[in-house]
Amino acid sequence: MLGTLLDVFRLRQYFNVVTRLRELAAGVREDTGFVTDVARAVIPVPGRSDRPSASRVFDDAPPANLPGLRGRRVALVSTGGSGALASIVGVARALEDGGVRPAVISVCSGSALFGFPLAAGLPAEEVGRFIAGLRPSQYVDLDWGALARLAPTAGRGFAGLLRGERIEAAYRELLGGRCLGDLAVPAYAPVWNVEENRLEYLGPRTHPDVPVARAVRMAVALPLFIEPVLLGHGHWCDGGIVDIFPVHPLLEIEDPCDVAVAVNGFYPPAFAGEDATGWEDRRGSIFLVASQVRTCQQVELARQNLARLRRHMPVVMLEPVPYSTVRGVGFYRQFLSAREWPAFMRAGRACAARALTAAFGPERDGGGPSADRQDRQEVLT
């Protein structure tokens, strides 16, 4: 019994719990609006509308001219990052403006909410209006029954506060019965198997018969927050807990691409770690160390994946929404309220338009296919 309690990996889990509780307490102190957003999401009040404006999301900006992307296969890959990854809808709109359609999309966790409808062939504006019009009550379904049974059943079968059924229903209303094999653009998301502790990638070549709405639900089923989803003989959760920057589908599953447009909304630029300089001189030093330990494996894998991707193709790295937006309680707040999602979408379009024009605009393409390669690489990475 003592050996089990002192197992090194269990000790890490204990520190994870303490670290998250400290972050939650700090977030509640610093952001009183978080408590309001939670209350509005889980306890809808009759007669009160939390529905954001579903009017037009994007204005009629002049279309980008991207001759450097003509005839090239472009991959769109995104980290997770809760509602902040609504920014990828804006990135997709910037590509649309330039007459470019992604050849493959790889999303993760929160970005699955926005990437799969794009992969279904819906224009960015239509996707934007749909998600800007979502009310929390349409996708947040607290499992009150499971909470009430938690003590009497000693937690048997409990694995998440939210059921996830409303998320699936909302996306089924948008996408109908489309399956992953029906997608206009191949799209993938990592999912993690509870029973076997392994990772798979949901997509048209791996699970063509899975409904897209179910795939969205599985991709965002964050352990302990949204309950696992049954598929086959196992239960599956958000694979972003392992692979937050999923390049595997681009490099190992789908046909090769020529350029990747990557969106990071979860870690500091280029997947740098959090700066904990001076930790040894601060109170509660061990908890600051524990916070670094909690993310070390995930962020290191993201760095390695970015390096792998860059070895295979030029990468346009975008960070439209500061990662600090989803730090601590921000991660949950940006899921429980869609209020800022339209702003994130517009930020994604503006950021992508600048970067893509700098890398592939007319002034970058005048020297022929190879004359400006070195100069362009500096812009890309």
Protein backbone atom coordinates (compact mmCIF):
# COMPACT_ATOMS: atom_id res chain seq x y z
CA MET A 1 0.00 0.00 0.00
CA LEU A 2 2.78 2.43 0.94
CA GLY A 3 4.66 1.56 -2.23
CA THR A 4 1.58 2.39 -4.29
CA LEU A 5 1.08 5.71 -2.53
CA LEU A 6 4.73 6.69 -3.01
CA ASP A 7 4.97 5.60 -6.65
CA VAL A 8 6.85 8.37 -8.48
CA PHE A 9 4.08 8.86 -11.04
CA ARG A 10 1.42 9.06 -8.33
CA LEU A 11 3.47 11.71 -6.56
CA ARG A 12 3.46 13.68 -9.80
CA GLN A 13 -0.33 13.36 -9.95
CA TYR A 14 -0.63 14.65 -6.38
CA PHE A 15 1.37 17.73 -7.30
CA ASN A 16 -0.75 18.16 -10.42
CA VAL A 17 -3.89 18.31 -8.28
CA VAL A 18 -2.34 20.80 -5.87
CA THR A 19 -1.02 22.94 -8.74
CA ARG A 20 -4.40 23.06 -10.46
CA LEU A 21 -6.18 23.94 -7.23
CA ARG A 22 -3.71 26.78 -6.63
CA GLU A 23 -4.26 28.03 -10.18
CA LEU A 24 -8.03 27.85 -9.72
CA ALA A 25 -7.90 29.76 -6.43
CA ALA A 26 -5.62 32.41 -7.94
CA GLY A 27 -7.82 32.70 -11.01
CA VAL A 28 -10.98 33.17 -8.96
CA ARG A 29 -9.28 35.89 -6.92
CA GLU A 30 -7.94 37.71 -9.97
CA ASP A 31 -10.92 37.20 -12.29
CA THR A 32 -14.28 37.46 -10.56
CA GLY A 33 -15.99 37.21 -13.95
CA PHE A 34 -14.92 33.57 -14.12
CA VAL A 35 -17.38 32.61 -11.38
CA THR A 36 -20.15 34.47 -13.25
CA ASP A 37 -19.35 32.63 -16.49
CA VAL A 38 -19.41 29.27 -14.71
CA ALA A 39 -22.75 30.05 -13.12
CA ARG A 40 -24.28 31.18 -16.41
CA ALA A 41 -23.02 28.08 -18.21
CA VAL A 42 -24.23 25.46 -15.75
CA ILE A 43 -27.33 27.17 -14.32
CA PRO A 44 -29.29 28.76 -17.19
CA VAL A 45 -31.82 31.31 -16.00
CA PRO A 46 -35.20 31.34 -17.83
CA GLY A 47 -35.74 34.53 -19.79
CA ARG A 48 -32.05 35.45 -19.90
CA SER A 49 -30.24 35.11 -23.21
CA ASP A 50 -26.52 34.41 -23.17
CA ARG A 51 -26.52 34.03 -26.94
CA PRO A 52 -23.73 36.07 -28.56
CA SER A 53 -24.46 38.00 -31.70
CA ALA A 54 -24.64 35.68 -34.71
CA SER A 55 -24.36 38.53 -37.22
CA ARG A 56 -21.62 38.66 -39.82
CA VAL A 57 -18.21 37.77 -38.38
CA PHE A 58 -15.80 38.99 -41.09
CA ASP A 59 -15.84 42.21 -43.09
CA ASP A 60 -15.16 42.51 -46.82
CA ALA A 61 -11.39 43.03 -46.68
CA PRO A 62 -9.58 42.97 -50.04
CA PRO A 63 -8.67 39.36 -50.91
CA ALA A 64 -5.06 38.37 -50.35
CA ASN A 65 -2.91 37.71 -53.41
CA LEU A 66 -0.81 34.64 -52.67
CA PRO A 67 0.87 33.53 -55.89
CA GLY A 68 3.48 31.64 -53.88
CA LEU A 69 0.81 29.14 -52.81
CA ARG A 70 -0.71 28.44 -56.21
CA GLY A 71 -0.70 24.75 -57.01
CA ARG A 72 0.80 23.81 -53.65
CA ARG A 73 -0.64 21.45 -51.04
CA VAL A 74 -1.16 23.42 -47.84
CA ALA A 75 -1.64 21.76 -44.45
CA LEU A 76 -3.41 23.49 -41.56
CA VAL A 77 -2.41 22.22 -38.10
CA SER A 78 -3.40 23.57 -34.73
CA THR A 79 -2.75 23.03 -31.05
CA GLY A 80 -5.53 22.83 -28.52
CA GLY A 81 -6.36 25.88 -26.47
CA SER A 82 -10.06 25.91 -25.63
CA GLY A 83 -12.16 28.66 -27.24
CA ALA A 84 -9.08 30.71 -28.15
CA LEU A 85 -8.64 28.36 -31.10
CA ALA A 86 -11.68 29.91 -32.74
CA SER A 87 -8.81 31.84 -34.33
CA ILE A 88 -8.32 29.00 -36.84
CA VAL A 89 -11.63 29.98 -38.46
CA GLY A 90 -10.02 33.34 -39.19
CA VAL A 91 -6.89 31.61 -40.49
CA ALA A 92 -9.09 29.55 -42.82
CA ARG A 93 -10.81 32.75 -43.96
CA ALA A 94 -7.43 34.33 -44.79
CA LEU A 95 -6.61 31.27 -46.91
CA GLU A 96 -10.03 31.50 -48.57
CA ASP A 97 -9.35 35.18 -49.34
CA GLY A 98 -6.23 34.09 -51.19
CA GLY A 99 -8.01 31.33 -53.09
CA VAL A 100 -6.33 28.56 -51.08
CA ARG A 101 -8.05 25.49 -49.67
CA PRO A 102 -6.16 23.30 -47.17
CA ALA A 103 -5.27 19.84 -48.42
CA VAL A 104 -5.41 18.39 -44.89
CA ILE A 105 -6.33 19.70 -41.44
CA SER A 106 -5.00 18.40 -38.13
CA VAL A 107 -6.66 19.70 -34.98
CA CYS A 108 -6.47 18.97 -31.29
CA SER A 109 -8.78 19.39 -28.33
CA GLY A 110 -10.52 22.79 -28.52
CA SER A 111 -9.49 23.44 -32.11
CA ALA A 112 -11.61 20.42 -33.14
CA LEU A 113 -14.70 22.54 -32.38
CA PHE A 114 -13.70 24.83 -35.23
CA GLY A 115 -11.57 22.71 -37.56
CA PHE A 116 -13.97 19.86 -38.28
CA PRO A 117 -16.77 22.11 -39.63
CA LEU A 118 -14.20 23.76 -41.91
CA ALA A 119 -13.10 20.32 -43.10
CA ALA A 120 -16.73 19.49 -43.88
CA GLY A 121 -16.53 22.13 -46.61
CA LEU A 122 -18.43 24.95 -44.90
CA PRO A 123 -17.14 28.47 -45.69
CA ALA A 124 -15.33 30.20 -42.83
CA GLU A 125 -18.07 32.83 -42.55
CA GLU A 126 -20.74 30.17 -42.09
CA VAL A 127 -18.66 28.33 -39.48
CA GLY A 128 -17.99 31.65 -37.77
CA ARG A 129 -21.67 32.53 -37.55
CA PHE A 130 -22.50 29.10 -36.16
CA ILE A 131 -19.99 29.19 -33.34
CA ALA A 132 -20.58 32.88 -32.59
CA GLY A 133 -24.24 32.02 -32.13
CA LEU A 134 -23.70 29.14 -29.70
CA ARG A 135 -25.10 29.52 -26.19
CA PRO A 136 -23.28 27.72 -23.34
CA SER A 137 -26.51 25.85 -22.62
CA GLN A 138 -26.21 24.28 -26.10
CA TYR A 139 -22.92 22.57 -25.34
CA VAL A 140 -22.48 22.55 -21.53
CA ASP A 141 -24.39 19.74 -19.80
CA LEU A 142 -23.33 19.29 -16.19
CA ASP A 143 -24.02 15.75 -15.03
CA TRP A 144 -26.02 16.57 -11.90
CA GLY A 145 -27.12 12.96 -11.50
CA ALA A 146 -23.56 11.64 -11.47
CA LEU A 147 -22.58 14.29 -8.95
CA ALA A 148 -25.48 13.30 -6.69
CA ARG A 149 -24.42 9.64 -6.89
CA LEU A 150 -20.74 10.38 -6.35
CA ALA A 151 -20.66 9.67 -2.61
CA PRO A 152 -23.15 6.76 -2.48
CA THR A 153 -21.34 4.93 -5.29
CA ALA A 154 -17.83 5.87 -4.09
CA GLY A 155 -17.22 7.49 -7.48
CA ARG A 156 -17.78 4.27 -9.44
CA GLY A 157 -18.01 5.11 -13.16
CA PHE A 158 -17.53 8.85 -12.65
CA ALA A 159 -14.96 10.39 -15.03
CA GLY A 160 -16.18 13.87 -15.94
CA LEU A 161 -18.32 16.76 -14.77
CA LEU A 162 -19.93 17.27 -18.19
CA ARG A 163 -21.60 14.59 -20.31
CA GLY A 164 -20.68 15.96 -23.73
CA GLU A 165 -23.97 14.91 -25.33
CA ARG A 166 -25.02 18.51 -26.02
CA ILE A 167 -21.77 19.21 -27.86
CA GLU A 168 -22.44 16.28 -30.15
CA ALA A 169 -26.08 17.32 -30.66
CA ALA A 170 -25.12 20.91 -31.55
CA TYR A 171 -22.65 19.75 -34.18
CA ARG A 172 -25.03 17.16 -35.54
CA GLU A 173 -27.52 19.95 -36.12
CA LEU A 174 -24.87 21.79 -38.16
CA LEU A 175 -23.27 18.85 -39.97
CA GLY A 176 -26.05 16.29 -40.11
CA GLY A 177 -24.98 12.65 -40.32
CA ARG A 178 -21.68 13.30 -42.11
CA CYS A 179 -18.97 10.81 -41.22
CA LEU A 180 -15.22 11.40 -41.23
CA GLY A 181 -14.98 9.58 -44.55
CA ASP A 182 -17.36 12.17 -46.07
CA LEU A 183 -15.24 15.22 -45.24
CA ALA A 184 -14.40 17.55 -48.11
CA VAL A 185 -10.93 18.04 -46.60
CA PRO A 186 -9.27 15.18 -44.66
CA ALA A 187 -9.16 16.15 -40.98
CA TYR A 188 -7.74 14.41 -37.92
CA ALA A 189 -7.67 14.79 -34.15
CA PRO A 190 -5.79 12.78 -31.50
CA VAL A 191 -7.85 10.78 -29.01
CA TRP A 192 -6.62 8.84 -26.00
CA ASN A 193 -7.87 5.40 -24.95
CA VAL A 194 -8.58 5.02 -21.22
CA GLU A 195 -8.39 1.23 -21.01
CA GLU A 196 -5.15 0.77 -22.97
CA ASN A 197 -3.48 4.15 -22.32
CA ARG A 198 -2.68 4.75 -25.97
CA LEU A 199 -3.17 7.40 -28.63
CA GLU A 200 -4.97 7.22 -31.96
CA TYR A 201 -5.87 9.79 -34.60
CA LEU A 202 -9.50 10.06 -35.67
CA GLY A 203 -9.82 10.81 -39.35
CA PRO A 204 -11.03 9.56 -42.74
CA ARG A 205 -8.25 7.02 -43.24
CA THR A 206 -8.37 5.65 -39.69
CA HIS A 207 -12.05 5.82 -38.68
CA PRO A 208 -14.08 6.77 -41.79
CA ASP A 209 -17.42 5.63 -40.32
CA VAL A 210 -17.31 7.77 -37.16
CA PRO A 211 -19.81 10.67 -37.38
CA VAL A 212 -18.10 14.05 -37.44
CA ALA A 213 -20.25 15.28 -34.55
CA ARG A 214 -19.10 12.31 -32.45
CA ALA A 215 -15.47 12.99 -33.41
CA VAL A 216 -15.80 16.57 -32.16
CA ARG A 217 -17.17 15.32 -28.85
CA MET A 218 -14.38 12.76 -28.46
CA ALA A 219 -11.67 15.27 -29.33
CA VAL A 220 -12.75 17.70 -26.59
CA ALA A 221 -13.53 15.12 -23.88
CA LEU A 222 -10.90 16.43 -21.47
CA PRO A 223 -10.43 13.89 -18.65
CA LEU A 224 -12.17 14.85 -15.38
CA PHE A 225 -13.96 17.70 -17.17
CA ILE A 226 -15.96 15.96 -19.92
CA GLU A 227 -16.73 12.25 -19.59
CA PRO A 228 -15.02 9.74 -21.93
CA VAL A 229 -16.84 8.63 -25.10
CA LEU A 230 -17.46 5.00 -25.96
CA LEU A 231 -16.13 3.84 -29.34
CA GLY A 232 -15.76 0.18 -30.15
CA HIS A 233 -14.76 -1.66 -27.00
CA GLY A 234 -13.08 1.28 -25.29
CA HIS A 235 -13.58 4.75 -23.88
CA TRP A 236 -11.81 7.70 -25.49
CA CYS A 237 -10.82 11.19 -24.37
CA ASP A 238 -9.09 14.30 -25.66
CA GLY A 239 -5.69 13.22 -27.01
CA GLY A 240 -4.28 16.69 -26.44
CA ILE A 241 -3.28 15.59 -22.97
CA VAL A 242 -0.50 13.69 -24.79
CA ASP A 243 -0.03 15.31 -28.21
CA ILE A 244 -0.93 19.00 -28.13
CA PHE A 245 0.53 19.70 -31.61
CA PRO A 246 -0.50 16.74 -33.81
CA VAL A 247 1.70 16.63 -36.89
CA HIS A 248 1.53 12.82 -37.20
CA PRO A 249 -1.46 12.88 -39.61
CA LEU A 250 0.40 15.28 -41.91
CA LEU A 251 3.61 13.27 -41.97
CA GLU A 252 2.49 9.66 -41.56
CA ILE A 253 -1.16 9.27 -42.62
CA GLU A 254 -2.06 11.67 -45.44
CA ASP A 255 -0.19 12.43 -48.67
CA PRO A 256 2.75 14.87 -48.27
CA CYS A 257 2.11 18.61 -48.28
CA ASP A 258 4.31 21.44 -49.51
CA VAL A 259 3.63 24.06 -46.83
CA ALA A 260 2.18 23.98 -43.32
CA VAL A 261 0.26 26.78 -41.64
CA ALA A 262 0.51 26.13 -37.90
CA VAL A 263 -1.49 27.78 -35.11
CA ASN A 264 -0.26 27.78 -31.51
CA GLY A 265 -2.73 28.90 -28.87
CA PHE A 266 -1.57 26.90 -25.85
CA TYR A 267 2.11 27.58 -25.12
CA PRO A 268 4.50 30.53 -25.46
CA PRO A 269 5.81 31.26 -28.99
CA ALA A 270 7.61 28.35 -30.66
CA PHE A 271 6.60 26.17 -27.69
CA ALA A 272 9.00 27.76 -25.26
CA GLY A 273 8.41 26.69 -21.68
CA GLU A 274 7.03 28.92 -18.97
CA ASP A 275 9.76 31.09 -17.42
CA ALA A 276 10.20 30.07 -13.77
CA THR A 277 13.46 31.96 -13.22
CA GLY A 278 13.92 32.75 -9.55
CA TRP A 279 11.69 29.94 -8.35
CA GLU A 280 14.11 29.08 -5.56
CA ASP A 281 13.67 32.50 -3.96
CA ARG A 282 9.87 32.46 -3.90
CA ARG A 283 7.47 31.09 -1.31
CA GLY A 284 6.14 27.63 -2.07
CA SER A 285 9.06 26.89 -4.39
CA ILE A 286 8.15 23.23 -4.68
CA PHE A 287 4.79 24.11 -6.22
CA LEU A 288 6.46 26.24 -8.88
CA VAL A 289 8.70 23.28 -9.72
CA ALA A 290 5.63 21.02 -9.80
CA SER A 291 3.95 23.37 -12.25
CA GLN A 292 6.91 22.97 -14.62
CA VAL A 293 6.92 19.20 -14.19
CA ARG A 294 3.22 19.06 -15.06
CA THR A 295 3.80 20.38 -18.60
CA CYS A 296 7.36 19.27 -19.35
CA GLN A 297 6.53 16.15 -21.39
CA GLN A 298 3.74 17.72 -23.40
CA VAL A 299 5.66 20.86 -24.35
CA GLU A 300 8.80 18.90 -25.22
CA LEU A 301 6.81 16.66 -27.58
CA ALA A 302 5.33 19.79 -29.18
CA ARG A 303 8.86 21.16 -29.79
CA GLN A 304 9.95 17.88 -31.32
CA ASN A 305 6.86 17.78 -33.54
CA LEU A 306 7.49 21.32 -34.73
CA ALA A 307 11.09 20.39 -35.58
CA ARG A 308 9.87 17.30 -37.47
CA LEU A 309 7.40 19.35 -39.43
CA ARG A 310 10.04 21.93 -40.36
CA ARG A 311 12.33 19.18 -41.64
CA HIS A 312 9.64 18.14 -44.11
CA MET A 313 8.24 21.48 -45.26
CA PRO A 314 8.29 25.25 -44.71
CA VAL A 315 6.10 26.24 -41.74
CA VAL A 316 4.20 29.49 -41.23
CA MET A 317 3.85 29.67 -37.43
CA LEU A 318 0.95 31.79 -36.16
CA GLU A 319 0.05 32.85 -32.64
CA PRO A 320 -3.08 35.00 -33.14
CA VAL A 321 -4.25 34.84 -29.50
CA PRO A 322 -1.70 35.14 -26.66
CA TYR A 323 -1.26 31.85 -24.84
CA SER A 324 -1.87 33.72 -21.58
CA THR A 325 -5.54 33.85 -22.61
CA VAL A 326 -5.90 30.16 -21.75
CA ARG A 327 -3.56 29.98 -18.77
CA GLY A 328 -5.07 28.79 -15.51
CA VAL A 329 -8.81 29.37 -15.32
CA GLY A 330 -8.68 31.08 -18.71
CA PHE A 331 -8.70 27.62 -20.32
CA TYR A 332 -12.10 26.81 -18.78
CA ARG A 333 -13.50 30.32 -19.11
CA GLN A 334 -12.87 30.40 -22.86
CA PHE A 335 -14.85 27.17 -23.16
CA LEU A 336 -17.73 28.10 -20.85
CA SER A 337 -18.33 31.41 -22.60
CA ALA A 338 -18.29 32.06 -26.36
CA ARG A 339 -18.34 35.83 -25.87
CA GLU A 340 -14.80 36.40 -27.13
CA TRP A 341 -14.81 33.84 -29.93
CA PRO A 342 -15.69 36.34 -32.71
CA ALA A 343 -12.74 38.53 -31.67
CA PHE A 344 -10.46 35.48 -31.74
CA MET A 345 -11.66 34.64 -35.26
CA ARG A 346 -10.93 38.14 -36.51
CA ALA A 347 -7.51 38.06 -34.85
CA GLY A 348 -6.76 34.79 -36.65
CA ARG A 349 -7.65 36.29 -40.01
CA ALA A 350 -5.55 39.42 -39.48
CA CYS A 351 -2.52 37.47 -38.18
CA ALA A 352 -2.67 34.93 -41.03
CA ALA A 353 -3.18 37.57 -43.70
CA ARG A 354 -0.03 39.41 -42.60
CA ALA A 355 2.12 36.30 -42.35
CA LEU A 356 0.91 34.67 -45.56
CA THR A 357 1.27 37.86 -47.58
CA ALA A 358 4.79 38.32 -46.23
CA ALA A 359 5.70 34.76 -47.17
CA PHE A 360 3.74 34.19 -50.38
CA GLY A 361 2.57 37.57 -51.66
CA PRO A 362 3.50 39.03 -55.06
CA GLU A 363 6.64 40.76 -53.83
CA ARG A 364 7.92 37.39 -52.56
CA ASP A 365 7.23 35.58 -55.82
CA GLY A 366 8.84 37.76 -58.46
CA GLY A 367 12.16 35.94 -58.54
CA GLY A 368 10.86 32.60 -59.72
CA PRO A 369 10.46 29.36 -57.82
CA SER A 370 13.91 29.25 -56.23
CA ALA A 371 15.42 32.74 -56.34
CA ASP A 372 13.67 33.92 -53.19
CA ARG A 373 13.76 30.64 -51.25
CA GLN A 374 16.25 31.73 -48.57
CA ASP A 375 14.54 35.08 -48.02
CA ARG A 376 11.15 33.40 -47.81
CA GLN A 377 12.38 30.83 -45.31
CA GLU A 378 13.30 33.65 -42.92
CA VAL A 379 9.71 34.90 -43.04
CA LEU A 380 8.23 31.43 -42.69
CA THR A 381 9.96 30.18 -39.58
